[in-house]
């Protein structure tokens, strides 16, 4: 049973890492202002950012739950 929880824990941690890395960062400085202008001109994909935000929350909660279960067991 512990092996199954560990495997699921690794899957959730990899999912969390991937979803965080796929999110668009908040740019700062001169390059951020140029990129911001391009986003308003070409339009930004809000749907993908919202989906990745929700997936990040789900993976984070599941990761914490499996962490607590592994700590107790």
PDB file of N, CA and C in Angstrom:
ATOM      1  N   UNK A   1       0.830  -1.199   0.000  1.00  0.00           N
ATOM      2  CA  UNK A   1       0.000   0.000   0.000  1.00  0.00           C
ATOM      3  C   UNK A   1       0.873   1.261   0.000  1.00  0.00           C
ATOM      4  N   UNK A   2       1.951   1.225   0.758  1.00  0.00           N
ATOM      5  CA  UNK A   2       2.828   2.397   0.821  1.00  0.00           C
ATOM      6  C   UNK A   2       3.477   2.656  -0.535  1.00  0.00           C
ATOM      7  N   UNK A   3       3.811   1.585  -1.242  1.00  0.00           N
ATOM      8  CA  UNK A   3       4.423   1.738  -2.560  1.00  0.00           C
ATOM      9  C   UNK A   3       3.471   2.424  -3.525  1.00  0.00           C
ATOM     10  N   UNK A   4       2.199   2.085  -3.456  1.00  0.00           N
ATOM     11  CA  UNK A   4       1.205   2.712  -4.332  1.00  0.00           C
ATOM     12  C   UNK A   4       1.084   4.204  -4.005  1.00  0.00           C
ATOM     13  N   UNK A   5       1.061   4.530  -2.724  1.00  0.00           N
ATOM     14  CA  UNK A   5       0.956   5.935  -2.315  1.00  0.00           C
ATOM     15  C   UNK A   5       2.198   6.708  -2.765  1.00  0.00           C
ATOM     16  N   UNK A   6       3.365   6.089  -2.668  1.00  0.00           N
ATOM     17  CA  UNK A   6       4.591   6.753  -3.117  1.00  0.00           C
ATOM     18  C   UNK A   6       4.576   7.009  -4.618  1.00  0.00           C
ATOM     19  N   UNK A   7       4.098   6.040  -5.380  1.00  0.00           N
ATOM     20  CA  UNK A   7       4.025   6.215  -6.838  1.00  0.00           C
ATOM     21  C   UNK A   7       3.055   7.336  -7.183  1.00  0.00           C
ATOM     22  N   UNK A   8       1.901   7.350  -6.535  1.00  0.00           N
ATOM     23  CA  UNK A   8       0.919   8.412  -6.763  1.00  0.00           C
ATOM     24  C   UNK A   8       1.493   9.764  -6.343  1.00  0.00           C
ATOM     25  N   UNK A   9       2.245   9.779  -5.249  1.00  0.00           N
ATOM     26  CA  UNK A   9       2.877  11.006  -4.759  1.00  0.00           C
ATOM     27  C   UNK A   9       3.868  11.559  -5.789  1.00  0.00           C
ATOM     28  N   UNK A  10       4.667  10.690  -6.380  1.00  0.00           N
ATOM     29  CA  UNK A  10       5.620  11.112  -7.420  1.00  0.00           C
ATOM     30  C   UNK A  10       4.882  11.637  -8.644  1.00  0.00           C
ATOM     31  N   UNK A  11       3.798  10.995  -9.024  1.00  0.00           N
ATOM     32  CA  UNK A  11       3.011  11.460 -10.176  1.00  0.00           C
ATOM     33  C   UNK A  11       2.438  12.848  -9.908  1.00  0.00           C
ATOM     34  N   UNK A  12       1.900  13.060  -8.698  1.00  0.00           N
ATOM     35  CA  UNK A  12       1.356  14.378  -8.357  1.00  0.00           C
ATOM     36  C   UNK A  12       2.451  15.442  -8.308  1.00  0.00           C
ATOM     37  N   UNK A  13       3.624  15.070  -7.807  1.00  0.00           N
ATOM     38  CA  UNK A  13       4.712  16.055  -7.744  1.00  0.00           C
ATOM     39  C   UNK A  13       5.185  16.428  -9.146  1.00  0.00           C
ATOM     40  N   UNK A  14       5.292  15.457 -10.039  1.00  0.00           N
ATOM     41  CA  UNK A  14       5.680  15.769 -11.423  1.00  0.00           C
ATOM     42  C   UNK A  14       4.609  16.610 -12.117  1.00  0.00           C
ATOM     43  N   UNK A  15       3.343  16.294 -11.870  1.00  0.00           N
ATOM     44  CA  UNK A  15       2.260  17.096 -12.443  1.00  0.00           C
ATOM     45  C   UNK A  15       2.292  18.527 -11.940  1.00  0.00           C
ATOM     46  N   UNK A  16       2.596  18.695 -10.656  1.00  0.00           N
ATOM     47  CA  UNK A  16       2.693  20.040 -10.078  1.00  0.00           C
ATOM     48  C   UNK A  16       3.852  20.813 -10.701  1.00  0.00           C
ATOM     49  N   UNK A  17       4.987  20.165 -10.849  1.00  0.00           N
ATOM     50  CA  UNK A  17       6.149  20.822 -11.451  1.00  0.00           C
ATOM     51  C   UNK A  17       5.854  21.230 -12.890  1.00  0.00           C
ATOM     52  N   UNK A  18       5.258  20.342 -13.648  1.00  0.00           N
ATOM     53  CA  UNK A  18       4.981  20.629 -15.063  1.00  0.00           C
ATOM     54  C   UNK A  18       3.977  21.767 -15.210  1.00  0.00           C
ATOM     55  N   UNK A  19       2.901  21.753 -14.408  1.00  0.00           N
ATOM     56  CA  UNK A  19       1.901  22.817 -14.542  1.00  0.00           C
ATOM     57  C   UNK A  19       2.454  24.174 -14.116  1.00  0.00           C
ATOM     58  N   UNK A  20       3.328  24.193 -13.112  1.00  0.00           N
ATOM     59  CA  UNK A  20       3.920  25.467 -12.695  1.00  0.00           C
ATOM     60  C   UNK A  20       4.855  25.994 -13.784  1.00  0.00           C
ATOM     61  N   UNK A  21       5.635  25.114 -14.379  1.00  0.00           N
ATOM     62  CA  UNK A  21       6.566  25.552 -15.411  1.00  0.00           C
ATOM     63  C   UNK A  21       5.870  25.982 -16.697  1.00  0.00           C
ATOM     64  N   UNK A  22       4.688  25.451 -16.958  1.00  0.00           N
ATOM     65  CA  UNK A  22       3.972  25.809 -18.185  1.00  0.00           C
ATOM     66  C   UNK A  22       3.243  27.143 -18.079  1.00  0.00           C
ATOM     67  N   UNK A  23       3.063  27.649 -16.869  1.00  0.00           N
ATOM     68  CA  UNK A  23       2.352  28.913 -16.710  1.00  0.00           C
ATOM     69  C   UNK A  23       3.213  30.065 -17.195  1.00  0.00           C
ATOM     70  N   UNK A  24       2.545  31.087 -17.703  1.00  0.00           N
ATOM     71  CA  UNK A  24       3.284  32.257 -18.157  1.00  0.00           C
ATOM     72  C   UNK A  24       3.650  33.115 -16.955  1.00  0.00           C
ATOM     73  N   UNK A  25       4.884  33.588 -16.946  1.00  0.00           N
ATOM     74  CA  UNK A  25       5.365  34.385 -15.827  1.00  0.00           C
ATOM     75  C   UNK A  25       4.995  35.848 -15.998  1.00  0.00           C
ATOM     76  N   UNK A  26       5.082  36.566 -14.914  1.00  0.00           N
ATOM     77  CA  UNK A  26       4.832  38.003 -14.959  1.00  0.00           C
ATOM     78  C   UNK A  26       6.150  38.682 -15.288  1.00  0.00           C
ATOM     79  N   UNK A  27       6.220  39.260 -16.481  1.00  0.00           N
ATOM     80  CA  UNK A  27       7.454  39.881 -16.941  1.00  0.00           C
ATOM     81  C   UNK A  27       7.626  41.244 -16.302  1.00  0.00           C
ATOM     82  N   UNK A  28       8.875  41.602 -16.060  1.00  0.00           N
ATOM     83  CA  UNK A  28       9.181  42.894 -15.470  1.00  0.00           C
ATOM     84  C   UNK A  28      10.194  43.612 -16.346  1.00  0.00           C
ATOM     85  N   UNK A  29      10.313  44.877 -16.144  1.00  0.00           N
ATOM     86  CA  UNK A  29      11.322  45.657 -16.846  1.00  0.00           C
ATOM     87  C   UNK A  29      10.899  46.032 -18.251  1.00  0.00           C
ATOM     88  N   UNK A  30      11.889  46.400 -19.056  1.00  0.00           N
ATOM     89  CA  UNK A  30      11.629  46.856 -20.417  1.00  0.00           C
ATOM     90  C   UNK A  30      11.077  45.740 -21.284  1.00  0.00           C
ATOM     91  N   UNK A  31      11.631  44.547 -21.149  1.00  0.00           N
ATOM     92  CA  UNK A  31      11.138  43.442 -21.964  1.00  0.00           C
ATOM     93  C   UNK A  31       9.695  43.100 -21.595  1.00  0.00           C
ATOM     94  N   UNK A  32       9.339  43.288 -20.336  1.00  0.00           N
ATOM     95  CA  UNK A  32       7.963  43.042 -19.925  1.00  0.00           C
ATOM     96  C   UNK A  32       6.998  44.042 -20.530  1.00  0.00           C
ATOM     97  N   UNK A  33       7.430  45.292 -20.666  1.00  0.00           N
ATOM     98  CA  UNK A  33       6.545  46.283 -21.262  1.00  0.00           C
ATOM     99  C   UNK A  33       6.367  46.037 -22.752  1.00  0.00           C
ATOM    100  N   UNK A  34       7.414  45.565 -23.398  1.00  0.00           N
ATOM    101  CA  UNK A  34       7.308  45.243 -24.820  1.00  0.00           C
ATOM    102  C   UNK A  34       6.414  44.025 -25.008  1.00  0.00           C
ATOM    103  N   UNK A  35       6.612  43.020 -24.174  1.00  0.00           N
ATOM    104  CA  UNK A  35       5.782  41.817 -24.266  1.00  0.00           C
ATOM    105  C   UNK A  35       4.337  42.135 -23.916  1.00  0.00           C
ATOM    106  N   UNK A  36       4.133  43.040 -22.975  1.00  0.00           N
ATOM    107  CA  UNK A  36       2.768  43.421 -22.613  1.00  0.00           C
ATOM    108  C   UNK A  36       2.051  44.093 -23.766  1.00  0.00           C
ATOM    109  N   UNK A  37       2.774  44.911 -24.520  1.00  0.00           N
ATOM    110  CA  UNK A  37       2.184  45.539 -25.695  1.00  0.00           C
ATOM    111  C   UNK A  37       1.835  44.523 -26.760  1.00  0.00           C
ATOM    112  N   UNK A  38       2.682  43.523 -26.903  1.00  0.00           N
ATOM    113  CA  UNK A  38       2.406  42.474 -27.882  1.00  0.00           C
ATOM    114  C   UNK A  38       1.189  41.660 -27.470  1.00  0.00           C
ATOM    115  N   UNK A  39       1.015  41.442 -26.157  1.00  0.00           N
ATOM    116  CA  UNK A  39      -0.137  40.676 -25.699  1.00  0.00           C
ATOM    117  C   UNK A  39      -1.434  41.415 -25.963  1.00  0.00           C
ATOM    118  N   UNK A  40      -1.422  42.738 -25.796  1.00  0.00           N
ATOM    119  CA  UNK A  40      -2.653  43.474 -26.051  1.00  0.00           C
ATOM    120  C   UNK A  40      -2.928  43.542 -27.546  1.00  0.00           C
ATOM    121  N   UNK A  41      -1.872  43.524 -28.353  1.00  0.00           N
ATOM    122  CA  UNK A  41      -2.068  43.583 -29.807  1.00  0.00           C
ATOM    123  C   UNK A  41      -2.536  42.241 -30.346  1.00  0.00           C
ATOM    124  N   UNK A  42      -1.870  41.167 -29.953  1.00  0.00           N
ATOM    125  CA  UNK A  42      -2.192  39.847 -30.488  1.00  0.00           C
ATOM    126  C   UNK A  42      -3.224  39.111 -29.655  1.00  0.00           C
ATOM    127  N   UNK A  43      -3.456  39.543 -28.455  1.00  0.00           N
ATOM    128  CA  UNK A  43      -4.407  38.868 -27.581  1.00  0.00           C
ATOM    129  C   UNK A  43      -3.730  37.780 -26.774  1.00  0.00           C
ATOM    130  N   UNK A  44      -4.187  37.595 -25.558  1.00  0.00           N
ATOM    131  CA  UNK A  44      -3.588  36.612 -24.667  1.00  0.00           C
ATOM    132  C   UNK A  44      -4.541  35.447 -24.496  1.00  0.00           C
ATOM    133  N   UNK A  45      -4.006  34.253 -24.409  1.00  0.00           N
ATOM    134  CA  UNK A  45      -4.832  33.062 -24.227  1.00  0.00           C
ATOM    135  C   UNK A  45      -5.195  32.932 -22.756  1.00  0.00           C
ATOM    136  N   UNK A  46      -6.334  33.459 -22.390  1.00  0.00           N
ATOM    137  CA  UNK A  46      -6.774  33.408 -20.993  1.00  0.00           C
ATOM    138  C   UNK A  46      -7.184  31.996 -20.601  1.00  0.00           C
ATOM    139  N   UNK A  47      -7.777  31.261 -21.521  1.00  0.00           N
ATOM    140  CA  UNK A  47      -8.286  29.939 -21.190  1.00  0.00           C
ATOM    141  C   UNK A  47      -7.207  29.006 -20.697  1.00  0.00           C
ATOM    142  N   UNK A  48      -6.051  29.020 -21.361  1.00  0.00           N
ATOM    143  CA  UNK A  48      -4.963  28.123 -20.973  1.00  0.00           C
ATOM    144  C   UNK A  48      -4.390  28.514 -19.617  1.00  0.00           C
ATOM    145  N   UNK A  49      -4.243  29.807 -19.360  1.00  0.00           N
ATOM    146  CA  UNK A  49      -3.722  30.249 -18.066  1.00  0.00           C
ATOM    147  C   UNK A  49      -4.665  29.887 -16.933  1.00  0.00           C
ATOM    148  N   UNK A  50      -5.952  30.037 -17.155  1.00  0.00           N
ATOM    149  CA  UNK A  50      -6.924  29.679 -16.118  1.00  0.00           C
ATOM    150  C   UNK A  50      -6.919  28.176 -15.865  1.00  0.00           C
ATOM    151  N   UNK A  51      -6.827  27.385 -16.937  1.00  0.00           N
ATOM    152  CA  UNK A  51      -6.795  25.934 -16.786  1.00  0.00           C
ATOM    153  C   UNK A  51      -5.547  25.495 -16.033  1.00  0.00           C
ATOM    154  N   UNK A  52      -4.399  26.073 -16.380  1.00  0.00           N
ATOM    155  CA  UNK A  52      -3.163  25.715 -15.687  1.00  0.00           C
ATOM    156  C   UNK A  52      -3.194  26.146 -14.227  1.00  0.00           C
ATOM    157  N   UNK A  53      -3.842  27.271 -13.935  1.00  0.00           N
ATOM    158  CA  UNK A  53      -3.977  27.709 -12.547  1.00  0.00           C
ATOM    159  C   UNK A  53      -4.810  26.743 -11.728  1.00  0.00           C
ATOM    160  N   UNK A  54      -5.909  26.272 -12.307  1.00  0.00           N
ATOM    161  CA  UNK A  54      -6.755  25.309 -11.604  1.00  0.00           C
ATOM    162  C   UNK A  54      -6.049  23.972 -11.430  1.00  0.00           C
ATOM    163  N   UNK A  55      -5.346  23.529 -12.485  1.00  0.00           N
ATOM    164  CA  UNK A  55      -4.606  22.275 -12.385  1.00  0.00           C
ATOM    165  C   UNK A  55      -3.506  22.353 -11.330  1.00  0.00           C
ATOM    166  N   UNK A  56      -2.861  23.510 -11.237  1.00  0.00           N
ATOM    167  CA  UNK A  56      -1.830  23.694 -10.220  1.00  0.00           C
ATOM    168  C   UNK A  56      -2.417  23.565  -8.825  1.00  0.00           C
ATOM    169  N   UNK A  57      -3.580  24.161  -8.624  1.00  0.00           N
ATOM    170  CA  UNK A  57      -4.242  24.061  -7.315  1.00  0.00           C
ATOM    171  C   UNK A  57      -4.613  22.618  -6.985  1.00  0.00           C
ATOM    172  N   UNK A  58      -5.137  21.907  -7.961  1.00  0.00           N
ATOM    173  CA  UNK A  58      -5.535  20.512  -7.736  1.00  0.00           C
ATOM    174  C   UNK A  58      -4.315  19.656  -7.414  1.00  0.00           C
ATOM    175  N   UNK A  59      -3.249  19.801  -8.217  1.00  0.00           N
ATOM    176  CA  UNK A  59      -2.039  19.017  -7.958  1.00  0.00           C
ATOM    177  C   UNK A  59      -1.420  19.373  -6.608  1.00  0.00           C
ATOM    178  N   UNK A  60      -1.466  20.643  -6.229  1.00  0.00           N
ATOM    179  CA  UNK A  60      -0.894  21.053  -4.941  1.00  0.00           C
ATOM    180  C   UNK A  60      -1.662  20.427  -3.777  1.00  0.00           C
ATOM    181  N   UNK A  61      -2.977  20.442  -3.848  1.00  0.00           N
ATOM    182  CA  UNK A  61      -3.792  19.855  -2.774  1.00  0.00           C
ATOM    183  C   UNK A  61      -3.558  18.347  -2.697  1.00  0.00           C
ATOM    184  N   UNK A  62      -3.541  17.682  -3.853  1.00  0.00           N
ATOM    185  CA  UNK A  62      -3.314  16.242  -3.856  1.00  0.00           C
ATOM    186  C   UNK A  62      -1.905  15.894  -3.372  1.00  0.00           C
ATOM    187  N   UNK A  63      -0.930  16.711  -3.710  1.00  0.00           N
ATOM    188  CA  UNK A  63       0.438  16.501  -3.248  1.00  0.00           C
ATOM    189  C   UNK A  63       0.522  16.631  -1.726  1.00  0.00           C
ATOM    190  N   UNK A  64      -0.160  17.627  -1.181  1.00  0.00           N
ATOM    191  CA  UNK A  64      -0.152  17.821   0.267  1.00  0.00           C
ATOM    192  C   UNK A  64      -0.852  16.658   0.973  1.00  0.00           C
ATOM    193  N   UNK A  65      -1.954  16.208   0.413  1.00  0.00           N
ATOM    194  CA  UNK A  65      -2.681  15.084   1.017  1.00  0.00           C
ATOM    195  C   UNK A  65      -1.816  13.829   1.031  1.00  0.00           C
ATOM    196  N   UNK A  66      -1.177  13.528  -0.092  1.00  0.00           N
ATOM    197  CA  UNK A  66      -0.334  12.331  -0.128  1.00  0.00           C
ATOM    198  C   UNK A  66       0.900  12.489   0.773  1.00  0.00           C
ATOM    199  N   UNK A  67       1.399  13.726   0.924  1.00  0.00           N
ATOM    200  CA  UNK A  67       2.519  13.960   1.828  1.00  0.00           C
ATOM    201  C   UNK A  67       2.120  13.666   3.276  1.00  0.00           C
ATOM    202  N   UNK A  68       0.950  14.134   3.661  1.00  0.00           N
ATOM    203  CA  UNK A  68       0.469  13.910   5.033  1.00  0.00           C
ATOM    204  C   UNK A  68       0.212  12.407   5.256  1.00  0.00           C
ATOM    205  N   UNK A  69      -0.376  11.746   4.277  1.00  0.00           N
ATOM    206  CA  UNK A  69      -0.634  10.314   4.416  1.00  0.00           C
ATOM    207  C   UNK A  69       0.683   9.556   4.548  1.00  0.00           C
ATOM    208  N   UNK A  70       1.681   9.898   3.751  1.00  0.00           N
ATOM    209  CA  UNK A  70       2.976   9.230   3.870  1.00  0.00           C
ATOM    210  C   UNK A  70       3.653   9.521   5.198  1.00  0.00           C
ATOM    211  N   UNK A  71       3.478  10.727   5.726  1.00  0.00           N
ATOM    212  CA  UNK A  71       4.080  11.062   7.019  1.00  0.00           C
ATOM    213  C   UNK A  71       3.420  10.293   8.155  1.00  0.00           C
ATOM    214  N   UNK A  72       2.117  10.094   8.056  1.00  0.00           N
ATOM    215  CA  UNK A  72       1.396   9.368   9.101  1.00  0.00           C
ATOM    216  C   UNK A  72       1.713   7.887   9.042  1.00  0.00           C
ATOM    217  N   UNK A  73       1.766   7.368   7.831  1.00  0.00           N
ATOM    218  CA  UNK A  73       2.044   5.916   7.656  1.00  0.00           C
ATOM    219  C   UNK A  73       3.518   5.704   7.859  1.00  0.00           C
TER     220      UNK A  73
END
